Each structure stands twice: as structure tokens, then as C-alpha cells.
């Protein structure tokens, strides 16, 4: 069993344990959203909001399997942007989600030791880049206190953009974030939570 498979089983095991011990029959209080990348890069970034765990903070899980299009030896920025993607044009995503306008200060740079002063959508600034392992796979799971499903810091109707962490921050992929909370029959096949 490779590292990716072991990590995936661990994430599934922990999440199932949380759901089983929550004493909810169908998990109706849990809210979910997902960004599915289907083009040059294939993978998922899932968002789980469970009011009974982590005070309703977002659990964010990125999953990119071997052959996903993310190259070994390169680092990738991943950020939530203000707008949805239209016509498959990643440039339509607008700026990074920043309801507090921290990014408008001259010389702004996210300091991961003070995440409350970072742009809400700057996930790589707060938690580090997406970095493929030796097999080209990425599994990254973080708990975020600032991302919400709805409202000014909400992700509903927004997008995720992945960029190469280089001088130009070259756009690699983008995907819209869809609320899948009420979609019990036709869930994203990779939404493992």
C-alpha cells in the first residue's frame, strides 16, 4: 500500500469516526462544498463544516492522485477567489477572497503565525503550498477558522485557483466551489466525507 492510499484511508477513517460519534442519523447538520478540477489538473478540494466539531470551523481537504497534472518537484499555491469561473477562463475568478481587505495594505504578505491577518482565501499562505510527493500525489488536510460556507467569508459561488509558486504565479487550474450539502443522491464521487 503506497503512502497516498495509507493517507487516504487515514483521512476516511478519522472522518467516519467523527461522523459516527456525532449521534446524528444522517449528518444533516454537516455542510459540504467541493471544487472539482477536471481539465489539465484533476483532483478535488473539499470543504466540510460540522457544527459539532472544531466549533463549525472548515475542514479543508485537497486530494490530487498520481497523474493528476501536478508535477513532482514543484510547489503550488491554492487560493479561494471572489468570483466563479465563467467560460473556463481562470482570469474571471477575480481577486483572492479578502472581506477584511488585508491584502490592500502595501507590502502585505500572509504570515502563517497570524492567520487572522491573512486574506481569508489565501490557503497556501496560511497552511503552505500543495506539494506533490515522490509519486506525484497530494493529500492535504487543514482546519480553518476563517473560511465559512456563506456570508462575507463564504465560499458559496466562488472558485479555487491553483498557481505555480514561481515568480509569475502562473495559473495552472481553476474550479468553481459547489455547495453539495443537500445533494445526498448525486454526491461527487470523490467527496470522501
N, C-alpha and C. Protein backbone atom coordinates (compact mmCIF):
# COMPACT_ATOMS: atom_id res chain seq x y z
N UNK A 1 0.85 -1.17 0.00
CA UNK A 1 0.00 0.00 0.00
C UNK A 1 0.90 1.23 0.00
N UNK A 2 0.71 2.14 -0.99
CA UNK A 2 1.57 3.32 -1.06
C UNK A 2 1.14 4.38 -0.05
N UNK A 3 1.94 5.42 0.06
CA UNK A 3 1.69 6.48 1.04
C UNK A 3 0.36 7.17 0.77
N UNK A 4 0.04 7.40 -0.50
CA UNK A 4 -1.22 8.05 -0.85
C UNK A 4 -2.40 7.24 -0.33
N UNK A 5 -2.40 5.95 -0.59
CA UNK A 5 -3.50 5.09 -0.16
C UNK A 5 -3.61 5.06 1.36
N UNK A 6 -2.46 4.96 2.05
CA UNK A 6 -2.48 4.97 3.51
C UNK A 6 -3.05 6.28 4.03
N UNK A 7 -2.62 7.39 3.44
CA UNK A 7 -3.11 8.71 3.87
C UNK A 7 -4.60 8.84 3.62
N UNK A 8 -5.05 8.38 2.46
CA UNK A 8 -6.47 8.46 2.13
C UNK A 8 -7.29 7.63 3.12
N UNK A 9 -6.84 6.41 3.43
CA UNK A 9 -7.55 5.58 4.40
C UNK A 9 -7.58 6.26 5.77
N UNK A 10 -6.49 6.91 6.16
CA UNK A 10 -6.45 7.60 7.44
C UNK A 10 -7.49 8.72 7.48
N UNK A 11 -7.53 9.54 6.42
CA UNK A 11 -8.48 10.65 6.36
C UNK A 11 -9.90 10.11 6.41
N UNK A 12 -10.19 9.06 5.65
CA UNK A 12 -11.53 8.47 5.65
C UNK A 12 -11.86 7.91 7.03
N UNK A 13 -10.94 7.19 7.66
CA UNK A 13 -11.16 6.59 8.97
C UNK A 13 -11.48 7.65 10.01
N UNK A 14 -10.67 8.70 10.06
CA UNK A 14 -10.89 9.77 11.05
C UNK A 14 -12.23 10.44 10.82
N UNK A 15 -12.54 10.75 9.58
CA UNK A 15 -13.79 11.43 9.28
C UNK A 15 -14.99 10.55 9.62
N UNK A 16 -14.93 9.28 9.26
CA UNK A 16 -16.04 8.39 9.60
C UNK A 16 -16.21 8.27 11.11
N UNK A 17 -15.12 8.25 11.84
CA UNK A 17 -15.20 8.21 13.29
C UNK A 17 -15.91 9.43 13.84
N UNK A 18 -15.59 10.58 13.29
CA UNK A 18 -16.24 11.83 13.72
C UNK A 18 -17.73 11.76 13.42
N UNK A 19 -18.09 11.31 12.23
CA UNK A 19 -19.50 11.26 11.85
C UNK A 19 -20.28 10.24 12.67
N UNK A 20 -19.70 9.10 12.94
CA UNK A 20 -20.39 8.06 13.70
C UNK A 20 -20.62 8.49 15.14
N UNK A 21 -19.64 9.14 15.74
CA UNK A 21 -19.78 9.53 17.14
C UNK A 21 -20.61 10.79 17.32
N UNK A 22 -21.07 11.36 16.25
CA UNK A 22 -21.80 12.62 16.37
C UNK A 22 -23.26 12.44 16.77
N UNK A 23 -23.76 11.18 16.83
CA UNK A 23 -25.14 10.88 17.22
C UNK A 23 -26.16 11.49 16.27
N UNK A 24 -25.80 11.69 15.04
CA UNK A 24 -26.75 12.17 14.05
C UNK A 24 -27.06 11.03 13.11
N UNK A 25 -28.30 10.88 12.78
CA UNK A 25 -28.69 9.77 11.92
C UNK A 25 -28.16 9.96 10.51
N UNK A 26 -28.34 11.12 9.93
CA UNK A 26 -27.96 11.30 8.53
C UNK A 26 -26.97 12.44 8.32
N UNK A 27 -26.40 12.99 9.36
CA UNK A 27 -25.41 14.05 9.19
C UNK A 27 -26.00 15.32 8.61
N UNK A 28 -27.29 15.58 8.86
CA UNK A 28 -27.95 16.70 8.21
C UNK A 28 -27.38 18.05 8.64
N UNK A 29 -26.72 18.12 9.79
CA UNK A 29 -26.14 19.38 10.23
C UNK A 29 -24.82 19.68 9.54
N UNK A 30 -24.23 18.68 8.93
CA UNK A 30 -22.94 18.86 8.27
C UNK A 30 -23.17 19.51 6.92
N UNK A 31 -22.43 20.57 6.64
CA UNK A 31 -22.50 21.26 5.35
C UNK A 31 -21.23 20.94 4.57
N UNK A 32 -21.38 20.80 3.26
CA UNK A 32 -20.25 20.43 2.43
C UNK A 32 -20.22 21.26 1.16
N UNK A 33 -19.01 21.49 0.68
CA UNK A 33 -18.81 22.12 -0.63
C UNK A 33 -17.58 21.47 -1.25
N UNK A 34 -17.50 21.55 -2.57
CA UNK A 34 -16.39 20.91 -3.24
C UNK A 34 -16.02 21.66 -4.51
N UNK A 35 -14.72 21.73 -4.78
CA UNK A 35 -14.20 22.24 -6.05
C UNK A 35 -13.56 21.06 -6.76
N UNK A 36 -14.08 20.72 -7.93
CA UNK A 36 -13.55 19.58 -8.69
C UNK A 36 -12.78 20.11 -9.90
N UNK A 37 -11.53 19.71 -9.99
CA UNK A 37 -10.67 20.10 -11.11
C UNK A 37 -10.72 18.98 -12.14
N UNK A 38 -11.09 19.33 -13.40
CA UNK A 38 -11.32 18.30 -14.42
C UNK A 38 -10.50 18.49 -15.68
N UNK A 39 -9.71 19.53 -15.78
CA UNK A 39 -9.05 19.85 -17.04
C UNK A 39 -7.62 19.34 -17.05
N UNK A 40 -6.64 20.24 -17.18
CA UNK A 40 -5.23 19.84 -17.18
C UNK A 40 -4.81 19.22 -15.86
N UNK A 41 -5.47 19.63 -14.79
CA UNK A 41 -5.23 19.08 -13.46
C UNK A 41 -6.53 18.41 -13.02
N UNK A 42 -6.41 17.21 -12.45
CA UNK A 42 -7.59 16.51 -11.94
C UNK A 42 -7.42 16.28 -10.44
N UNK A 43 -8.44 16.67 -9.70
CA UNK A 43 -8.43 16.48 -8.26
C UNK A 43 -9.59 17.21 -7.63
N UNK A 44 -9.56 17.27 -6.31
CA UNK A 44 -10.66 17.85 -5.56
C UNK A 44 -10.13 18.64 -4.38
N UNK A 45 -10.84 19.71 -4.05
CA UNK A 45 -10.65 20.36 -2.75
C UNK A 45 -12.03 20.37 -2.12
N UNK A 46 -12.15 19.68 -1.00
CA UNK A 46 -13.42 19.52 -0.30
C UNK A 46 -13.43 20.38 0.96
N UNK A 47 -14.61 20.91 1.27
CA UNK A 47 -14.80 21.75 2.44
C UNK A 47 -15.92 21.13 3.27
N UNK A 48 -15.66 20.88 4.56
CA UNK A 48 -16.65 20.27 5.44
C UNK A 48 -16.86 21.21 6.63
N UNK A 49 -18.11 21.52 6.91
CA UNK A 49 -18.46 22.39 8.04
C UNK A 49 -19.36 21.59 8.98
N UNK A 50 -18.84 21.18 10.11
CA UNK A 50 -19.59 20.37 11.08
C UNK A 50 -19.71 21.18 12.37
N UNK A 51 -20.92 21.63 12.72
CA UNK A 51 -21.08 22.47 13.90
C UNK A 51 -20.71 21.77 15.21
N UNK A 52 -20.67 20.44 15.21
CA UNK A 52 -20.34 19.71 16.44
C UNK A 52 -18.85 19.51 16.64
N UNK A 53 -18.06 19.80 15.63
CA UNK A 53 -16.61 19.58 15.73
C UNK A 53 -15.87 20.83 15.28
N UNK A 54 -14.82 21.14 15.98
CA UNK A 54 -13.98 22.30 15.68
C UNK A 54 -14.80 23.58 15.65
N UNK A 55 -15.86 23.66 16.47
CA UNK A 55 -16.72 24.84 16.55
C UNK A 55 -17.25 25.26 15.19
N UNK A 56 -17.49 24.30 14.32
CA UNK A 56 -18.02 24.60 13.00
C UNK A 56 -16.99 25.13 12.02
N UNK A 57 -15.72 25.09 12.41
CA UNK A 57 -14.67 25.55 11.51
C UNK A 57 -14.62 24.66 10.28
N UNK A 58 -14.01 25.15 9.22
CA UNK A 58 -13.93 24.38 7.98
C UNK A 58 -12.80 23.37 8.04
N UNK A 59 -13.12 22.13 7.70
CA UNK A 59 -12.09 21.14 7.43
C UNK A 59 -11.91 21.16 5.91
N UNK A 60 -10.70 21.44 5.47
CA UNK A 60 -10.42 21.56 4.04
C UNK A 60 -9.47 20.44 3.66
N UNK A 61 -9.87 19.63 2.68
CA UNK A 61 -9.05 18.50 2.25
C UNK A 61 -8.82 18.60 0.75
N UNK A 62 -7.54 18.62 0.36
CA UNK A 62 -7.16 18.62 -1.05
C UNK A 62 -6.66 17.22 -1.41
N UNK A 63 -7.17 16.67 -2.51
CA UNK A 63 -6.78 15.33 -2.96
C UNK A 63 -6.46 15.38 -4.45
N UNK A 64 -5.21 15.10 -4.78
CA UNK A 64 -4.77 15.02 -6.17
C UNK A 64 -3.96 13.74 -6.29
N UNK A 65 -4.45 12.79 -7.09
CA UNK A 65 -3.81 11.48 -7.23
C UNK A 65 -2.67 11.52 -8.23
N UNK A 66 -1.92 10.43 -8.27
CA UNK A 66 -0.84 10.26 -9.23
C UNK A 66 -1.39 10.49 -10.64
N UNK A 67 -0.66 11.27 -11.43
CA UNK A 67 -1.11 11.58 -12.78
C UNK A 67 -2.13 12.69 -12.84
N UNK A 68 -2.29 13.43 -11.74
CA UNK A 68 -3.31 14.48 -11.67
C UNK A 68 -2.95 15.71 -12.48
N UNK A 69 -1.68 15.84 -12.86
CA UNK A 69 -1.25 17.03 -13.59
C UNK A 69 -0.37 17.94 -12.75
N UNK A 70 -0.29 17.69 -11.44
CA UNK A 70 0.64 18.44 -10.59
C UNK A 70 1.99 17.74 -10.66
N UNK A 71 3.03 18.49 -10.97
CA UNK A 71 4.35 17.90 -11.21
C UNK A 71 5.16 17.75 -9.94
N UNK A 72 5.88 16.63 -9.86
CA UNK A 72 6.80 16.38 -8.75
C UNK A 72 7.90 17.44 -8.80
N UNK A 73 8.27 17.95 -7.63
CA UNK A 73 9.34 18.94 -7.54
C UNK A 73 8.88 20.38 -7.67
N UNK A 74 7.58 20.58 -7.85
CA UNK A 74 7.04 21.94 -7.95
C UNK A 74 6.05 22.17 -6.81
N UNK A 75 5.97 23.42 -6.38
CA UNK A 75 5.03 23.83 -5.34
C UNK A 75 3.90 24.61 -5.99
N UNK A 76 2.70 24.46 -5.42
CA UNK A 76 1.52 25.09 -6.00
C UNK A 76 0.77 25.89 -4.93
N UNK A 77 0.44 27.13 -5.27
CA UNK A 77 -0.40 27.97 -4.43
C UNK A 77 -1.85 27.57 -4.68
N UNK A 78 -2.67 27.60 -3.65
CA UNK A 78 -4.10 27.35 -3.83
C UNK A 78 -4.86 28.37 -3.00
N UNK A 79 -5.77 29.06 -3.68
CA UNK A 79 -6.48 30.17 -3.05
C UNK A 79 -7.95 30.18 -3.48
N UNK A 80 -8.79 30.60 -2.55
CA UNK A 80 -10.20 30.82 -2.86
C UNK A 80 -10.31 32.23 -3.42
N UNK A 81 -10.98 32.36 -4.57
CA UNK A 81 -11.14 33.66 -5.22
C UNK A 81 -12.59 34.14 -5.12
N UNK A 82 -12.78 35.44 -5.34
CA UNK A 82 -14.07 36.10 -5.11
C UNK A 82 -15.19 35.64 -6.03
N UNK A 83 -14.87 35.34 -7.28
CA UNK A 83 -15.90 35.08 -8.28
C UNK A 83 -15.87 33.63 -8.76
N UNK A 84 -16.99 33.18 -9.34
CA UNK A 84 -16.96 31.88 -10.00
C UNK A 84 -16.23 32.00 -11.34
N UNK A 85 -15.78 30.89 -11.86
CA UNK A 85 -15.14 30.83 -13.17
C UNK A 85 -16.23 30.84 -14.23
N UNK A 86 -16.07 31.67 -15.25
CA UNK A 86 -17.02 31.65 -16.37
C UNK A 86 -16.27 31.30 -17.65
N UNK A 87 -16.92 30.54 -18.51
CA UNK A 87 -16.36 30.13 -19.81
C UNK A 87 -14.98 29.49 -19.69
N UNK A 88 -14.74 28.75 -18.63
CA UNK A 88 -13.45 28.06 -18.40
C UNK A 88 -12.26 29.01 -18.40
N UNK A 89 -12.49 30.27 -18.06
CA UNK A 89 -11.43 31.29 -18.05
C UNK A 89 -11.06 31.60 -16.60
N UNK A 90 -9.91 31.09 -16.16
CA UNK A 90 -9.48 31.29 -14.77
C UNK A 90 -9.30 32.76 -14.40
N UNK A 91 -9.07 33.61 -15.39
CA UNK A 91 -8.90 35.04 -15.13
C UNK A 91 -10.19 35.68 -14.62
N UNK A 92 -11.34 35.03 -14.80
CA UNK A 92 -12.61 35.59 -14.34
C UNK A 92 -12.83 35.38 -12.85
N UNK A 93 -11.88 34.73 -12.18
CA UNK A 93 -12.01 34.44 -10.75
C UNK A 93 -11.93 35.69 -9.87
N UNK A 94 -11.41 36.77 -10.40
CA UNK A 94 -11.25 37.98 -9.60
C UNK A 94 -10.12 37.82 -8.60
N UNK A 95 -10.13 38.66 -7.58
CA UNK A 95 -9.07 38.63 -6.57
C UNK A 95 -9.28 37.53 -5.54
N UNK A 96 -8.29 37.38 -4.68
CA UNK A 96 -8.37 36.41 -3.58
C UNK A 96 -9.46 36.88 -2.61
N UNK A 97 -10.24 35.96 -2.09
CA UNK A 97 -11.30 36.28 -1.13
C UNK A 97 -10.68 36.99 0.08
N UNK A 98 -11.07 38.24 0.28
CA UNK A 98 -10.44 39.09 1.30
C UNK A 98 -11.44 40.11 1.85
N UNK A 99 -12.49 39.64 2.57
CA UNK A 99 -13.51 40.57 3.05
C UNK A 99 -12.99 41.62 4.02
N UNK A 100 -11.86 41.36 4.67
CA UNK A 100 -11.29 42.33 5.62
C UNK A 100 -10.29 43.28 4.97
N UNK A 101 -10.03 43.10 3.69
CA UNK A 101 -9.14 43.96 2.91
C UNK A 101 -7.71 44.01 3.43
N UNK A 102 -7.22 42.91 4.02
CA UNK A 102 -5.83 42.86 4.48
C UNK A 102 -4.86 42.96 3.31
N UNK A 103 -5.22 42.37 2.18
CA UNK A 103 -4.34 42.36 1.01
C UNK A 103 -4.18 43.72 0.36
N UNK A 104 -5.02 44.68 0.73
CA UNK A 104 -4.91 46.02 0.12
C UNK A 104 -3.82 46.86 0.77
N UNK A 105 -3.28 46.41 1.90
CA UNK A 105 -2.18 47.15 2.55
C UNK A 105 -0.90 46.98 1.74
N UNK A 106 -0.16 48.09 1.50
CA UNK A 106 1.11 47.97 0.78
C UNK A 106 2.06 47.03 1.53
N UNK A 107 2.71 46.17 0.80
CA UNK A 107 3.66 45.25 1.42
C UNK A 107 3.02 44.07 2.12
N UNK A 108 1.71 43.85 1.90
CA UNK A 108 1.02 42.73 2.54
C UNK A 108 1.66 41.40 2.16
N UNK A 109 1.84 40.54 3.14
CA UNK A 109 2.23 39.15 2.93
C UNK A 109 1.63 38.36 4.08
N UNK A 110 0.96 37.27 3.75
CA UNK A 110 0.34 36.44 4.78
C UNK A 110 1.41 35.85 5.68
N UNK A 111 1.23 36.00 6.98
CA UNK A 111 2.12 35.40 7.98
C UNK A 111 1.35 34.24 8.61
N UNK A 112 1.76 33.00 8.35
CA UNK A 112 1.00 31.85 8.87
C UNK A 112 0.92 31.79 10.39
N UNK A 113 1.78 32.53 11.09
CA UNK A 113 1.70 32.55 12.55
C UNK A 113 0.60 33.48 13.04
N UNK A 114 0.06 34.31 12.14
CA UNK A 114 -1.03 35.23 12.46
C UNK A 114 -2.10 35.10 11.36
N UNK A 115 -2.75 33.92 11.25
CA UNK A 115 -3.67 33.70 10.13
C UNK A 115 -4.87 34.63 10.12
N UNK A 116 -5.23 35.18 11.27
CA UNK A 116 -6.37 36.10 11.31
C UNK A 116 -6.08 37.41 10.57
N UNK A 117 -4.82 37.66 10.23
CA UNK A 117 -4.43 38.86 9.48
C UNK A 117 -4.16 38.54 8.01
N UNK A 118 -4.50 37.31 7.59
CA UNK A 118 -4.32 36.90 6.20
C UNK A 118 -5.63 37.05 5.43
N UNK A 119 -5.52 37.13 4.11
CA UNK A 119 -6.71 37.07 3.28
C UNK A 119 -7.41 35.74 3.59
N UNK A 120 -8.71 35.77 3.74
CA UNK A 120 -9.46 34.55 4.07
C UNK A 120 -9.17 33.44 3.06
N UNK A 121 -9.11 33.79 1.79
CA UNK A 121 -8.93 32.80 0.74
C UNK A 121 -7.51 32.32 0.50
N UNK A 122 -6.54 32.91 1.18
CA UNK A 122 -5.13 32.54 0.94
C UNK A 122 -4.77 31.28 1.72
N UNK A 123 -5.21 30.14 1.23
CA UNK A 123 -4.99 28.88 1.93
C UNK A 123 -3.52 28.50 1.96
N UNK A 124 -2.80 28.69 0.86
CA UNK A 124 -1.37 28.34 0.85
C UNK A 124 -0.58 29.28 1.73
N UNK A 125 -0.98 30.54 1.84
CA UNK A 125 -0.29 31.46 2.74
C UNK A 125 -0.44 31.06 4.19
N UNK A 126 -1.63 30.57 4.56
CA UNK A 126 -1.89 30.16 5.94
C UNK A 126 -1.35 28.77 6.26
N UNK A 127 -1.37 27.85 5.29
CA UNK A 127 -1.09 26.45 5.59
C UNK A 127 -0.01 25.80 4.72
N UNK A 128 0.61 26.57 3.87
CA UNK A 128 1.65 26.01 3.00
C UNK A 128 1.10 25.56 1.66
N UNK A 129 1.99 25.42 0.71
CA UNK A 129 1.63 25.06 -0.66
C UNK A 129 1.16 23.61 -0.78
N UNK A 130 0.55 23.32 -1.91
CA UNK A 130 0.30 21.94 -2.31
C UNK A 130 1.60 21.43 -2.92
N UNK A 131 2.16 20.36 -2.36
CA UNK A 131 3.45 19.84 -2.81
C UNK A 131 3.29 18.35 -3.11
N UNK A 132 3.37 17.96 -4.39
CA UNK A 132 3.26 16.54 -4.72
C UNK A 132 4.38 15.74 -4.08
N UNK A 133 4.04 14.52 -3.61
CA UNK A 133 5.06 13.64 -3.04
C UNK A 133 5.83 12.96 -4.17
N UNK A 134 6.68 12.00 -3.84
CA UNK A 134 7.51 11.32 -4.84
C UNK A 134 6.69 10.55 -5.87
N UNK A 135 5.44 10.27 -5.57
CA UNK A 135 4.56 9.60 -6.53
C UNK A 135 3.69 10.59 -7.31
N UNK A 136 3.86 11.89 -7.02
CA UNK A 136 3.06 12.90 -7.70
C UNK A 136 1.69 13.10 -7.10
N UNK A 137 1.48 12.63 -5.88
CA UNK A 137 0.18 12.72 -5.22
C UNK A 137 0.19 13.78 -4.12
N UNK A 138 -0.98 14.36 -3.89
CA UNK A 138 -1.13 15.35 -2.81
C UNK A 138 -2.37 14.99 -2.00
N UNK A 139 -2.19 14.88 -0.69
CA UNK A 139 -3.32 14.86 0.24
C UNK A 139 -2.96 15.87 1.32
N UNK A 140 -3.77 16.89 1.44
CA UNK A 140 -3.51 17.92 2.44
C UNK A 140 -4.82 18.19 3.17
N UNK A 141 -4.78 18.20 4.49
CA UNK A 141 -5.96 18.43 5.29
C UNK A 141 -5.65 19.49 6.34
N UNK A 142 -6.49 20.52 6.41
CA UNK A 142 -6.29 21.60 7.38
C UNK A 142 -7.63 21.97 8.01
N UNK A 143 -7.57 22.59 9.17
CA UNK A 143 -8.75 23.16 9.83
C UNK A 143 -8.61 24.67 9.76
N UNK A 144 -9.63 25.34 9.23
CA UNK A 144 -9.57 26.79 9.04
C UNK A 144 -10.70 27.47 9.81
N UNK A 145 -10.35 28.47 10.60
CA UNK A 145 -11.33 29.20 11.42
C UNK A 145 -12.00 30.34 10.67
N UNK A 146 -11.53 30.67 9.49
CA UNK A 146 -11.95 31.91 8.84
C UNK A 146 -12.81 31.68 7.60
N UNK A 147 -12.68 30.54 6.96
CA UNK A 147 -13.50 30.20 5.80
C UNK A 147 -14.87 29.76 6.29
N UNK A 148 -15.91 30.29 5.67
CA UNK A 148 -17.30 29.93 6.00
C UNK A 148 -18.01 29.46 4.74
N UNK A 149 -19.16 28.84 4.89
CA UNK A 149 -19.92 28.41 3.72
C UNK A 149 -20.64 29.59 3.08
N UNK A 150 -21.22 30.46 3.90
CA UNK A 150 -21.98 31.61 3.41
C UNK A 150 -21.50 32.89 4.08
N UNK A 151 -22.01 34.02 3.62
CA UNK A 151 -21.67 35.31 4.20
C UNK A 151 -20.43 35.91 3.55
N UNK A 152 -19.92 37.02 4.11
CA UNK A 152 -18.77 37.71 3.51
C UNK A 152 -17.53 36.83 3.36
N UNK A 153 -17.32 35.91 4.29
CA UNK A 153 -16.18 34.99 4.20
C UNK A 153 -16.59 33.65 3.60
N UNK A 154 -17.79 33.62 3.01
CA UNK A 154 -18.34 32.38 2.48
C UNK A 154 -17.75 31.98 1.14
N UNK A 155 -17.73 30.67 0.90
CA UNK A 155 -17.15 30.14 -0.33
C UNK A 155 -18.20 29.82 -1.38
N UNK A 156 -19.48 29.83 -1.01
CA UNK A 156 -20.54 29.51 -1.96
C UNK A 156 -20.51 30.49 -3.13
N UNK A 157 -20.48 29.96 -4.34
CA UNK A 157 -20.47 30.80 -5.54
C UNK A 157 -19.11 31.39 -5.87
N UNK A 158 -18.07 30.86 -5.28
CA UNK A 158 -16.72 31.36 -5.55
C UNK A 158 -15.91 30.27 -6.25
N UNK A 159 -14.60 30.43 -6.32
CA UNK A 159 -13.78 29.46 -7.03
C UNK A 159 -12.44 29.27 -6.33
N UNK A 160 -11.74 28.22 -6.71
CA UNK A 160 -10.38 27.97 -6.24
C UNK A 160 -9.46 28.04 -7.46
N UNK A 161 -8.35 28.75 -7.32
CA UNK A 161 -7.36 28.84 -8.39
C UNK A 161 -6.05 28.25 -7.87
N UNK A 162 -5.44 27.39 -8.68
CA UNK A 162 -4.14 26.80 -8.36
C UNK A 162 -3.11 27.45 -9.28
N UNK A 163 -2.03 27.94 -8.67
CA UNK A 163 -0.97 28.60 -9.43
C UNK A 163 0.36 27.95 -9.10
N UNK A 164 1.26 27.97 -10.06
CA UNK A 164 2.62 27.53 -9.81
C UNK A 164 3.26 28.55 -8.88
N UNK A 165 3.93 28.09 -7.83
CA UNK A 165 4.59 29.01 -6.89
C UNK A 165 5.94 29.41 -7.47
N UNK A 166 5.87 30.28 -8.47
CA UNK A 166 7.06 30.82 -9.12
C UNK A 166 6.94 32.34 -9.17
N UNK A 167 7.90 32.97 -9.79
CA UNK A 167 7.93 34.44 -9.87
C UNK A 167 6.64 35.00 -10.48
N UNK A 168 6.12 34.33 -11.51
CA UNK A 168 4.94 34.82 -12.22
C UNK A 168 3.62 34.31 -11.64
N UNK A 169 3.68 33.36 -10.73
CA UNK A 169 2.49 32.71 -10.19
C UNK A 169 1.54 32.28 -11.32
N UNK A 170 2.10 31.49 -12.22
CA UNK A 170 1.40 31.02 -13.41
C UNK A 170 0.17 30.20 -13.01
N UNK A 171 -0.99 30.56 -13.58
CA UNK A 171 -2.22 29.81 -13.31
C UNK A 171 -2.12 28.44 -13.95
N UNK A 172 -2.40 27.41 -13.15
CA UNK A 172 -2.35 26.03 -13.59
C UNK A 172 -3.76 25.46 -13.78
N UNK A 173 -4.67 25.80 -12.86
CA UNK A 173 -6.03 25.24 -12.91
C UNK A 173 -6.97 26.08 -12.06
N UNK A 174 -8.26 25.91 -12.32
CA UNK A 174 -9.28 26.58 -11.52
C UNK A 174 -10.56 25.74 -11.54
N UNK A 175 -11.38 25.94 -10.52
CA UNK A 175 -12.65 25.22 -10.43
C UNK A 175 -13.61 26.00 -9.55
N UNK A 176 -14.88 25.91 -9.88
CA UNK A 176 -15.91 26.54 -9.06
C UNK A 176 -16.18 25.70 -7.82
N UNK A 177 -16.55 26.38 -6.74
CA UNK A 177 -16.91 25.71 -5.49
C UNK A 177 -18.42 25.53 -5.49
N UNK A 178 -18.85 24.29 -5.40
CA UNK A 178 -20.27 23.98 -5.40
C UNK A 178 -20.69 23.48 -4.03
N UNK A 179 -21.83 23.97 -3.56
CA UNK A 179 -22.40 23.50 -2.30
C UNK A 179 -23.03 22.14 -2.57
N UNK A 180 -22.52 21.11 -1.91
CA UNK A 180 -23.05 19.75 -2.11
C UNK A 180 -23.75 19.24 -0.85
N UNK A 181 -24.09 20.14 0.07
CA UNK A 181 -24.71 19.75 1.34
C UNK A 181 -26.01 19.00 1.15
N UNK A 182 -26.86 19.47 0.25
CA UNK A 182 -28.19 18.89 0.09
C UNK A 182 -28.26 17.91 -1.06
N UNK A 183 -27.14 17.58 -1.61
CA UNK A 183 -27.09 16.69 -2.77
C UNK A 183 -26.74 15.28 -2.31
N UNK A 184 -27.65 14.64 -1.59
CA UNK A 184 -27.36 13.35 -0.96
C UNK A 184 -27.30 12.19 -1.96
N UNK A 185 -28.05 12.26 -3.05
CA UNK A 185 -28.08 11.14 -4.00
C UNK A 185 -26.96 11.22 -5.03
N UNK A 186 -26.61 12.40 -5.45
CA UNK A 186 -25.64 12.54 -6.53
C UNK A 186 -24.42 13.29 -6.02
N UNK A 187 -23.78 12.74 -5.02
CA UNK A 187 -22.59 13.37 -4.47
C UNK A 187 -21.41 13.17 -5.38
N UNK A 188 -20.50 14.10 -5.32
CA UNK A 188 -19.23 13.99 -6.02
C UNK A 188 -18.60 12.65 -5.64
N UNK A 189 -18.22 11.85 -6.61
CA UNK A 189 -17.71 10.50 -6.33
C UNK A 189 -16.45 10.52 -5.50
N UNK A 190 -15.74 11.61 -5.46
CA UNK A 190 -14.51 11.71 -4.69
C UNK A 190 -14.72 12.46 -3.38
N UNK A 191 -15.95 12.86 -3.10
CA UNK A 191 -16.19 13.54 -1.83
C UNK A 191 -16.26 12.46 -0.77
N UNK A 192 -15.14 12.26 -0.08
CA UNK A 192 -14.99 11.11 0.80
C UNK A 192 -15.54 11.32 2.20
N UNK A 193 -16.19 12.42 2.44
CA UNK A 193 -16.65 12.70 3.80
C UNK A 193 -18.13 12.68 3.89
